[in-house]
Each structure stands twice: as structure tokens, then as C-alpha cells.
Amino acid sequence: VTPISSSAANFKLKHLCALAKFVVNVPEEYAASKIK
């Protein structure tokens, strides 16, 4: 981008990577187990 002044520039950042969110339902008998 071209700056808007000698001390300021506006730019929009883009992500290189993707974010994945997983919501895992744990069976009741393992609900209190520690997940490794």
C-alpha cells in the first residue's frame, strides 16, 4: 500500500492458514477422563 502520510499507512492483513475448531462429544463413561 501507499502510505497516507509520513507516519501512517492503512493495510488489511490476510491469514496464511486456516483455523479448525473441533467440538468432540465424549461418551458419558469417559466424561471425567483426562484426554492426552
PDB file of all heavy atoms in Angstrom:
ATOM      1  N   VAL A   1       0.843  -1.196   0.000  1.00  0.00           N
ATOM      2  CA  VAL A   1       0.000   0.000   0.000  1.00  0.00           C
ATOM      3  C   VAL A   1       0.880   1.248   0.000  1.00  0.00           C
ATOM      4  O   VAL A   1       2.043   1.213   0.393  1.00  0.00           O
ATOM      5  CB  VAL A   1      -0.930   0.036   1.236  1.00  0.00           C
ATOM      6  CG1 VAL A   1      -1.866  -1.165   1.243  1.00  0.00           C
ATOM      7  CG2 VAL A   1      -0.123   0.091   2.534  1.00  0.00           C
ATOM      8  N   THR A   2       0.307   2.360  -0.451  1.00  0.00           N
ATOM      9  CA  THR A   2       0.956   3.667  -0.367  1.00  0.00           C
ATOM     10  C   THR A   2       0.526   4.338   0.928  1.00  0.00           C
ATOM     11  O   THR A   2      -0.667   4.350   1.245  1.00  0.00           O
ATOM     12  CB  THR A   2       0.568   4.540  -1.572  1.00  0.00           C
ATOM     13  OG1 THR A   2       0.983   3.891  -2.769  1.00  0.00           O
ATOM     14  CG2 THR A   2       1.219   5.910  -1.483  1.00  0.00           C
ATOM     15  N   PRO A   3       1.452   4.879   1.709  1.00  0.00           N
ATOM     16  CA  PRO A   3       1.080   5.488   2.991  1.00  0.00           C
ATOM     17  C   PRO A   3       0.207   6.716   2.811  1.00  0.00           C
ATOM     18  O   PRO A   3       0.263   7.394   1.782  1.00  0.00           O
ATOM     19  CB  PRO A   3       2.429   5.848   3.620  1.00  0.00           C
ATOM     20  CG  PRO A   3       3.380   5.918   2.486  1.00  0.00           C
ATOM     21  CD  PRO A   3       2.899   4.931   1.470  1.00  0.00           C
ATOM     22  N   ILE A   4      -0.580   7.024   3.835  1.00  0.00           N
ATOM     23  CA  ILE A   4      -1.450   8.212   3.793  1.00  0.00           C
ATOM     24  C   ILE A   4      -0.722   9.430   4.343  1.00  0.00           C
ATOM     25  O   ILE A   4      -1.175  10.558   4.189  1.00  0.00           O
ATOM     26  CB  ILE A   4      -2.760   7.971   4.570  1.00  0.00           C
ATOM     27  CG1 ILE A   4      -2.458   7.592   6.026  1.00  0.00           C
ATOM     28  CG2 ILE A   4      -3.590   6.889   3.903  1.00  0.00           C
ATOM     29  CD1 ILE A   4      -3.717   7.422   6.881  1.00  0.00           C
ATOM     30  N   SER A   5       0.418   9.212   4.998  1.00  0.00           N
ATOM     31  CA  SER A   5       1.263  10.300   5.475  1.00  0.00           C
ATOM     32  C   SER A   5       2.638   9.717   5.761  1.00  0.00           C
ATOM     33  O   SER A   5       2.868   8.522   5.577  1.00  0.00           O
ATOM     34  CB  SER A   5       0.673  10.935   6.742  1.00  0.00           C
ATOM     35  OG  SER A   5       0.791  10.068   7.848  1.00  0.00           O
ATOM     36  N   SER A   6       3.551  10.560   6.228  1.00  0.00           N
ATOM     37  CA  SER A   6       4.903  10.085   6.520  1.00  0.00           C
ATOM     38  C   SER A   6       4.951   9.182   7.753  1.00  0.00           C
ATOM     39  O   SER A   6       5.962   8.528   8.005  1.00  0.00           O
ATOM     40  CB  SER A   6       5.841  11.271   6.720  1.00  0.00           C
ATOM     41  OG  SER A   6       5.427  12.038   7.848  1.00  0.00           O
ATOM     42  N   SER A   7       3.845   9.150   8.502  1.00  0.00           N
ATOM     43  CA  SER A   7       3.844   8.358   9.734  1.00  0.00           C
ATOM     44  C   SER A   7       2.674   7.386   9.826  1.00  0.00           C
ATOM     45  O   SER A   7       2.482   6.754  10.863  1.00  0.00           O
ATOM     46  CB  SER A   7       3.810   9.290  10.956  1.00  0.00           C
ATOM     47  OG  SER A   7       2.632  10.084  10.939  1.00  0.00           O
ATOM     48  N   ALA A   8       1.901   7.240   8.747  1.00  0.00           N
ATOM     49  CA  ALA A   8       0.727   6.363   8.830  1.00  0.00           C
ATOM     50  C   ALA A   8       0.463   5.663   7.508  1.00  0.00           C
ATOM     51  O   ALA A   8       0.625   6.236   6.436  1.00  0.00           O
ATOM     52  CB  ALA A   8      -0.509   7.162   9.248  1.00  0.00           C
ATOM     53  N   ALA A   9       0.040   4.412   7.614  1.00  0.00           N
ATOM     54  CA  ALA A   9      -0.363   3.621   6.449  1.00  0.00           C
ATOM     55  C   ALA A   9      -1.472   2.678   6.889  1.00  0.00           C
ATOM     56  O   ALA A   9      -1.414   2.109   7.988  1.00  0.00           O
ATOM     57  CB  ALA A   9       0.811   2.831   5.883  1.00  0.00           C
ATOM     58  N   ASN A  10      -2.474   2.552   6.045  1.00  0.00           N
ATOM     59  CA  ASN A  10      -3.578   1.629   6.332  1.00  0.00           C
ATOM     60  C   ASN A  10      -3.388   0.359   5.512  1.00  0.00           C
ATOM     61  O   ASN A  10      -3.200   0.419   4.301  1.00  0.00           O
ATOM     62  CB  ASN A  10      -4.922   2.266   5.968  1.00  0.00           C
ATOM     63  CG  ASN A  10      -5.260   3.451   6.864  1.00  0.00           C
ATOM     64  OD1 ASN A  10      -4.899   3.468   8.037  1.00  0.00           O
ATOM     65  ND2 ASN A  10      -5.935   4.442   6.307  1.00  0.00           N
ATOM     66  N   PHE A  11      -3.446  -0.769   6.169  1.00  0.00           N
ATOM     67  CA  PHE A  11      -3.312  -2.019   5.435  1.00  0.00           C
ATOM     68  C   PHE A  11      -4.214  -3.075   6.053  1.00  0.00           C
ATOM     69  O   PHE A  11      -4.553  -3.036   7.228  1.00  0.00           O
ATOM     70  CB  PHE A  11      -1.860  -2.500   5.418  1.00  0.00           C
ATOM     71  CG  PHE A  11      -1.211  -2.637   6.772  1.00  0.00           C
ATOM     72  CD1 PHE A  11      -1.202  -3.852   7.431  1.00  0.00           C
ATOM     73  CD2 PHE A  11      -0.615  -1.543   7.372  1.00  0.00           C
ATOM     74  CE1 PHE A  11      -0.591  -3.990   8.666  1.00  0.00           C
ATOM     75  CE2 PHE A  11      -0.005  -1.672   8.619  1.00  0.00           C
ATOM     76  CZ  PHE A  11       0.003  -2.892   9.275  1.00  0.00           C
ATOM     77  N   LYS A  12      -4.629  -4.017   5.210  1.00  0.00           N
ATOM     78  CA  LYS A  12      -5.517  -5.092   5.634  1.00  0.00           C
ATOM     79  C   LYS A  12      -4.737  -6.400   5.618  1.00  0.00           C
ATOM     80  O   LYS A  12      -4.188  -6.804   4.600  1.00  0.00           O
ATOM     81  CB  LYS A  12      -6.723  -5.192   4.693  1.00  0.00           C
ATOM     82  CG  LYS A  12      -7.750  -6.226   5.125  1.00  0.00           C
ATOM     83  CD  LYS A  12      -8.974  -6.184   4.204  1.00  0.00           C
ATOM     84  CE  LYS A  12     -10.020  -7.188   4.673  1.00  0.00           C
ATOM     85  NZ  LYS A  12     -11.227  -7.151   3.795  1.00  0.00           N
ATOM     86  N   LEU A  13      -4.693  -7.051   6.756  1.00  0.00           N
ATOM     87  CA  LEU A  13      -3.932  -8.292   6.875  1.00  0.00           C
ATOM     88  C   LEU A  13      -4.780  -9.495   6.494  1.00  0.00           C
ATOM     89  O   LEU A  13      -5.971  -9.549   6.798  1.00  0.00           O
ATOM     90  CB  LEU A  13      -3.427  -8.454   8.311  1.00  0.00           C
ATOM     91  CG  LEU A  13      -2.354  -7.455   8.740  1.00  0.00           C
ATOM     92  CD1 LEU A  13      -2.109  -7.546  10.244  1.00  0.00           C
ATOM     93  CD2 LEU A  13      -1.056  -7.699   7.986  1.00  0.00           C
ATOM     94  N   LYS A  14      -4.138 -10.446   5.822  1.00  0.00           N
ATOM     95  CA  LYS A  14      -4.795 -11.690   5.434  1.00  0.00           C
ATOM     96  C   LYS A  14      -4.092 -12.847   6.134  1.00  0.00           C
ATOM     97  O   LYS A  14      -2.887 -12.820   6.352  1.00  0.00           O
ATOM     98  CB  LYS A  14      -4.703 -11.883   3.909  1.00  0.00           C
ATOM     99  CG  LYS A  14      -5.269 -10.720   3.107  1.00  0.00           C
ATOM    100  CD  LYS A  14      -4.978 -10.904   1.630  1.00  0.00           C
ATOM    101  CE  LYS A  14      -5.441  -9.697   0.828  1.00  0.00           C
ATOM    102  NZ  LYS A  14      -5.128  -9.859  -0.609  1.00  0.00           N
ATOM    103  N   HIS A  15      -4.849 -13.868   6.463  1.00  0.00           N
ATOM    104  CA  HIS A  15      -4.292 -15.033   7.136  1.00  0.00           C
ATOM    105  C   HIS A  15      -3.682 -16.000   6.130  1.00  0.00           C
ATOM    106  O   HIS A  15      -4.248 -16.244   5.061  1.00  0.00           O
ATOM    107  CB  HIS A  15      -5.378 -15.764   7.928  1.00  0.00           C
ATOM    108  CG  HIS A  15      -5.916 -14.965   9.079  1.00  0.00           C
ATOM    109  ND1 HIS A  15      -5.377 -15.016  10.334  1.00  0.00           N
ATOM    110  CD2 HIS A  15      -6.946 -14.084   9.149  1.00  0.00           C
ATOM    111  CE1 HIS A  15      -6.049 -14.212  11.145  1.00  0.00           C
ATOM    112  NE2 HIS A  15      -6.998 -13.635  10.445  1.00  0.00           N
ATOM    113  N   LEU A  16      -2.540 -16.563   6.475  1.00  0.00           N
ATOM    114  CA  LEU A  16      -1.925 -17.590   5.642  1.00  0.00           C
ATOM    115  C   LEU A  16      -2.602 -18.942   5.862  1.00  0.00           C
ATOM    116  O   LEU A  16      -2.738 -19.733   4.937  1.00  0.00           O
ATOM    117  CB  LEU A  16      -0.433 -17.710   5.979  1.00  0.00           C
ATOM    118  CG  LEU A  16       0.328 -18.838   5.290  1.00  0.00           C
ATOM    119  CD1 LEU A  16       0.544 -18.503   3.810  1.00  0.00           C
ATOM    120  CD2 LEU A  16       1.665 -19.095   5.965  1.00  0.00           C
ATOM    121  N   CYS A  17      -3.031 -19.182   7.097  1.00  0.00           N
ATOM    122  CA  CYS A  17      -3.504 -20.511   7.480  1.00  0.00           C
ATOM    123  C   CYS A  17      -5.001 -20.525   7.778  1.00  0.00           C
ATOM    124  O   CYS A  17      -5.668 -19.495   7.737  1.00  0.00           O
ATOM    125  CB  CYS A  17      -2.730 -21.000   8.698  1.00  0.00           C
ATOM    126  SG  CYS A  17      -0.948 -21.083   8.424  1.00  0.00           S
ATOM    127  N   ALA A  18      -5.506 -21.707   8.056  1.00  0.00           N
ATOM    128  CA  ALA A  18      -6.910 -21.902   8.388  1.00  0.00           C
ATOM    129  C   ALA A  18      -7.015 -22.358   9.836  1.00  0.00           C
ATOM    130  O   ALA A  18      -6.153 -23.080  10.344  1.00  0.00           O
ATOM    131  CB  ALA A  18      -7.543 -22.946   7.462  1.00  0.00           C
ATOM    132  N   LEU A  19      -8.068 -21.932  10.500  1.00  0.00           N
ATOM    133  CA  LEU A  19      -8.328 -22.333  11.881  1.00  0.00           C
ATOM    134  C   LEU A  19      -9.457 -23.359  11.896  1.00  0.00           C
ATOM    135  O   LEU A  19     -10.523 -23.132  11.329  1.00  0.00           O
ATOM    136  CB  LEU A  19      -8.732 -21.121  12.717  1.00  0.00           C
ATOM    137  CG  LEU A  19      -9.210 -21.400  14.148  1.00  0.00           C
ATOM    138  CD1 LEU A  19      -8.105 -22.022  14.971  1.00  0.00           C
ATOM    139  CD2 LEU A  19      -9.709 -20.115  14.807  1.00  0.00           C
ATOM    140  N   ALA A  20      -9.194 -24.488  12.527  1.00  0.00           N
ATOM    141  CA  ALA A  20     -10.220 -25.527  12.649  1.00  0.00           C
ATOM    142  C   ALA A  20     -10.602 -25.683  14.122  1.00  0.00           C
ATOM    143  O   ALA A  20      -9.736 -25.789  14.987  1.00  0.00           O
ATOM    144  CB  ALA A  20      -9.693 -26.858  12.108  1.00  0.00           C
ATOM    145  N   LYS A  21     -11.900 -25.663  14.380  1.00  0.00           N
ATOM    146  CA  LYS A  21     -12.425 -25.866  15.739  1.00  0.00           C
ATOM    147  C   LYS A  21     -13.182 -27.189  15.768  1.00  0.00           C
ATOM    148  O   LYS A  21     -14.039 -27.442  14.927  1.00  0.00           O
ATOM    149  CB  LYS A  21     -13.358 -24.723  16.126  1.00  0.00           C
ATOM    150  CG  LYS A  21     -14.029 -24.898  17.484  1.00  0.00           C
ATOM    151  CD  LYS A  21     -15.004 -23.753  17.762  1.00  0.00           C
ATOM    152  CE  LYS A  21     -15.711 -23.925  19.094  1.00  0.00           C
ATOM    153  NZ  LYS A  21     -16.681 -22.819  19.345  1.00  0.00           N
ATOM    154  N   PHE A  22     -12.843 -28.023  16.725  1.00  0.00           N
ATOM    155  CA  PHE A  22     -13.496 -29.316  16.885  1.00  0.00           C
ATOM    156  C   PHE A  22     -14.213 -29.354  18.238  1.00  0.00           C
ATOM    157  O   PHE A  22     -13.597 -29.076  19.267  1.00  0.00           O
ATOM    158  CB  PHE A  22     -12.472 -30.457  16.828  1.00  0.00           C
ATOM    159  CG  PHE A  22     -11.747 -30.563  15.524  1.00  0.00           C
ATOM    160  CD1 PHE A  22     -10.585 -29.831  15.302  1.00  0.00           C
ATOM    161  CD2 PHE A  22     -12.219 -31.378  14.502  1.00  0.00           C
ATOM    162  CE1 PHE A  22      -9.910 -29.914  14.101  1.00  0.00           C
ATOM    163  CE2 PHE A  22     -11.550 -31.465  13.300  1.00  0.00           C
ATOM    164  CZ  PHE A  22     -10.395 -30.737  13.092  1.00  0.00           C
ATOM    165  N   VAL A  23     -15.497 -29.661  18.204  1.00  0.00           N
ATOM    166  CA  VAL A  23     -16.247 -29.897  19.437  1.00  0.00           C
ATOM    167  C   VAL A  23     -16.540 -31.387  19.494  1.00  0.00           C
ATOM    168  O   VAL A  23     -17.330 -31.909  18.712  1.00  0.00           O
ATOM    169  CB  VAL A  23     -17.551 -29.076  19.469  1.00  0.00           C
ATOM    170  CG1 VAL A  23     -18.311 -29.354  20.765  1.00  0.00           C
ATOM    171  CG2 VAL A  23     -17.251 -27.590  19.344  1.00  0.00           C
ATOM    172  N   VAL A  24     -15.858 -32.068  20.403  1.00  0.00           N
ATOM    173  CA  VAL A  24     -15.933 -33.523  20.492  1.00  0.00           C
ATOM    174  C   VAL A  24     -16.821 -33.916  21.672  1.00  0.00           C
ATOM    175  O   VAL A  24     -16.552 -33.523  22.812  1.00  0.00           O
ATOM    176  CB  VAL A  24     -14.523 -34.130  20.670  1.00  0.00           C
ATOM    177  CG1 VAL A  24     -14.607 -35.655  20.727  1.00  0.00           C
ATOM    178  CG2 VAL A  24     -13.604 -33.682  19.531  1.00  0.00           C
ATOM    179  N   ASN A  25     -17.884 -34.658  21.386  1.00  0.00           N
ATOM    180  CA  ASN A  25     -18.758 -35.166  22.447  1.00  0.00           C
ATOM    181  C   ASN A  25     -18.155 -36.457  23.006  1.00  0.00           C
ATOM    182  O   ASN A  25     -18.024 -37.448  22.302  1.00  0.00           O
ATOM    183  CB  ASN A  25     -20.160 -35.435  21.896  1.00  0.00           C
ATOM    184  CG  ASN A  25     -20.840 -34.163  21.434  1.00  0.00           C
ATOM    185  OD1 ASN A  25     -20.992 -33.218  22.197  1.00  0.00           O
ATOM    186  ND2 ASN A  25     -21.234 -34.126  20.169  1.00  0.00           N
ATOM    187  N   VAL A  26     -17.795 -36.423  24.285  1.00  0.00           N
ATOM    188  CA  VAL A  26     -17.156 -37.564  24.931  1.00  0.00           C
ATOM    189  C   VAL A  26     -18.230 -38.475  25.525  1.00  0.00           C
ATOM    190  O   VAL A  26     -19.146 -37.993  26.196  1.00  0.00           O
ATOM    191  CB  VAL A  26     -16.204 -37.089  26.045  1.00  0.00           C
ATOM    192  CG1 VAL A  26     -15.505 -38.274  26.701  1.00  0.00           C
ATOM    193  CG2 VAL A  26     -15.179 -36.114  25.478  1.00  0.00           C
ATOM    194  N   PRO A  27     -18.177 -39.796  25.278  1.00  0.00           N
ATOM    195  CA  PRO A  27     -19.141 -40.719  25.895  1.00  0.00           C
ATOM    196  C   PRO A  27     -19.168 -40.541  27.411  1.00  0.00           C
ATOM    197  O   PRO A  27     -18.148 -40.258  28.045  1.00  0.00           O
ATOM    198  CB  PRO A  27     -18.607 -42.100  25.517  1.00  0.00           C
ATOM    199  CG  PRO A  27     -17.827 -41.867  24.263  1.00  0.00           C
ATOM    200  CD  PRO A  27     -17.213 -40.496  24.410  1.00  0.00           C
ATOM    201  N   GLU A  28     -20.366 -40.710  27.976  1.00  0.00           N
ATOM    202  CA  GLU A  28     -20.564 -40.412  29.400  1.00  0.00           C
ATOM    203  C   GLU A  28     -19.575 -41.141  30.306  1.00  0.00           C
ATOM    204  O   GLU A  28     -19.069 -40.580  31.281  1.00  0.00           O
ATOM    205  CB  GLU A  28     -21.998 -40.778  29.802  1.00  0.00           C
ATOM    206  CG  GLU A  28     -22.346 -40.382  31.226  1.00  0.00           C
ATOM    207  CD  GLU A  28     -23.805 -40.665  31.556  1.00  0.00           C
ATOM    208  OE1 GLU A  28     -24.567 -41.035  30.634  1.00  0.00           O
ATOM    209  OE2 GLU A  28     -24.178 -40.499  32.729  1.00  0.00           O
ATOM    210  N   GLU A  29     -19.259 -42.381  29.970  1.00  0.00           N
ATOM    211  CA  GLU A  29     -18.360 -43.148  30.840  1.00  0.00           C
ATOM    212  C   GLU A  29     -16.927 -42.617  30.831  1.00  0.00           C
ATOM    213  O   GLU A  29     -16.108 -42.983  31.685  1.00  0.00           O
ATOM    214  CB  GLU A  29     -18.361 -44.631  30.448  1.00  0.00           C
ATOM    215  CG  GLU A  29     -17.885 -44.937  29.046  1.00  0.00           C
ATOM    216  CD  GLU A  29     -19.024 -45.009  28.036  1.00  0.00           C
ATOM    217  OE1 GLU A  29     -19.993 -44.237  28.171  1.00  0.00           O
ATOM    218  OE2 GLU A  29     -18.933 -45.834  27.117  1.00  0.00           O
ATOM    219  N   TYR A  30     -16.597 -41.736  29.859  1.00  0.00           N
ATOM    220  CA  TYR A  30     -15.254 -41.154  29.795  1.00  0.00           C
ATOM    221  C   TYR A  30     -15.276 -39.642  30.053  1.00  0.00           C
ATOM    222  O   TYR A  30     -14.240 -38.984  29.882  1.00  0.00           O
ATOM    223  CB  TYR A  30     -14.628 -41.422  28.428  1.00  0.00           C
ATOM    224  CG  TYR A  30     -14.428 -42.884  28.133  1.00  0.00           C
ATOM    225  CD1 TYR A  30     -15.307 -43.561  27.298  1.00  0.00           C
ATOM    226  CD2 TYR A  30     -13.377 -43.592  28.700  1.00  0.00           C
ATOM    227  CE1 TYR A  30     -15.133 -44.914  27.029  1.00  0.00           C
ATOM    228  CE2 TYR A  30     -13.195 -44.940  28.443  1.00  0.00           C
ATOM    229  CZ  TYR A  30     -14.082 -45.597  27.610  1.00  0.00           C
ATOM    230  OH  TYR A  30     -13.911 -46.934  27.350  1.00  0.00           O
ATOM    231  N   ALA A  31     -16.410 -39.113  30.466  1.00  0.00           N
ATOM    232  CA  ALA A  31     -16.556 -37.660  30.615  1.00  0.00           C
ATOM    233  C   ALA A  31     -15.592 -37.083  31.647  1.00  0.00           C
ATOM    234  O   ALA A  31     -15.191 -35.916  31.546  1.00  0.00           O
ATOM    235  CB  ALA A  31     -17.992 -37.314  30.988  1.00  0.00           C
ATOM    236  N   ALA A  32     -15.208 -37.882  32.657  1.00  0.00           N
ATOM    237  CA  ALA A  32     -14.291 -37.394  33.689  1.00  0.00           C
ATOM    238  C   ALA A  32     -12.848 -37.796  33.416  1.00  0.00           C
ATOM    239  O   ALA A  32     -11.958 -37.491  34.216  1.00  0.00           O
ATOM    240  CB  ALA A  32     -14.728 -37.907  35.062  1.00  0.00           C
ATOM    241  N   SER A  33     -12.600 -38.484  32.301  1.00  0.00           N
ATOM    242  CA  SER A  33     -11.246 -38.934  31.980  1.00  0.00           C
ATOM    243  C   SER A  33     -10.386 -37.776  31.487  1.00  0.00           C
ATOM    244  O   SER A  33     -10.879 -36.831  30.860  1.00  0.00           O
ATOM    245  CB  SER A  33     -11.287 -40.024  30.903  1.00  0.00           C
ATOM    246  OG  SER A  33     -11.968 -41.168  31.352  1.00  0.00           O
ATOM    247  N   LYS A  34      -9.107 -37.866  31.744  1.00  0.00           N
ATOM    248  CA  LYS A  34      -8.168 -36.888  31.223  1.00  0.00           C
ATOM    249  C   LYS A  34      -7.808 -37.262  29.776  1.00  0.00           C
ATOM    250  O   LYS A  34      -7.470 -38.407  29.507  1.00  0.00           O
ATOM    251  CB  LYS A  34      -6.910 -36.844  32.079  1.00  0.00           C
ATOM    252  CG  LYS A  34      -7.158 -36.349  33.502  1.00  0.00           C
ATOM    253  CD  LYS A  34      -5.893 -36.406  34.343  1.00  0.00           C
ATOM    254  CE  LYS A  34      -6.159 -35.935  35.766  1.00  0.00           C
ATOM    255  NZ  LYS A  34      -4.936 -36.034  36.612  1.00  0.00           N
ATOM    256  N   ILE A  35      -7.901 -36.288  28.888  1.00  0.00           N
ATOM    257  CA  ILE A  35      -7.611 -36.524  27.471  1.00  0.00           C
ATOM    258  C   ILE A  35      -6.170 -36.113  27.194  1.00  0.00           C
ATOM    259  O   ILE A  35      -5.745 -35.000  27.513  1.00  0.00           O
ATOM    260  CB  ILE A  35      -8.589 -35.747  26.571  1.00  0.00           C
ATOM    261  CG1 ILE A  35     -10.031 -36.093  26.922  1.00  0.00           C
ATOM    262  CG2 ILE A  35      -8.298 -36.054  25.103  1.00  0.00           C
ATOM    263  CD1 ILE A  35     -10.387 -37.550  26.822  1.00  0.00           C
ATOM    264  N   LYS A  36      -5.415 -37.036  26.577  1.00  0.00           N
ATOM    265  CA  LYS A  36      -3.985 -36.826  26.347  1.00  0.00           C
ATOM    266  C   LYS A  36      -3.666 -36.251  24.968  1.00  0.00           C
ATOM    267  O   LYS A  36      -2.694 -35.517  24.807  1.00  0.00           O
ATOM    268  CB  LYS A  36      -3.230 -38.148  26.517  1.00  0.00           C
ATOM    269  CG  LYS A  36      -3.526 -38.888  27.810  1.00  0.00           C
ATOM    270  CD  LYS A  36      -2.999 -38.152  29.015  1.00  0.00           C
ATOM    271  CE  LYS A  36      -1.490 -38.202  29.084  1.00  0.00           C
ATOM    272  NZ  LYS A  36      -0.972 -37.612  30.349  1.00  0.00           N
TER     273      LYS A  36
END
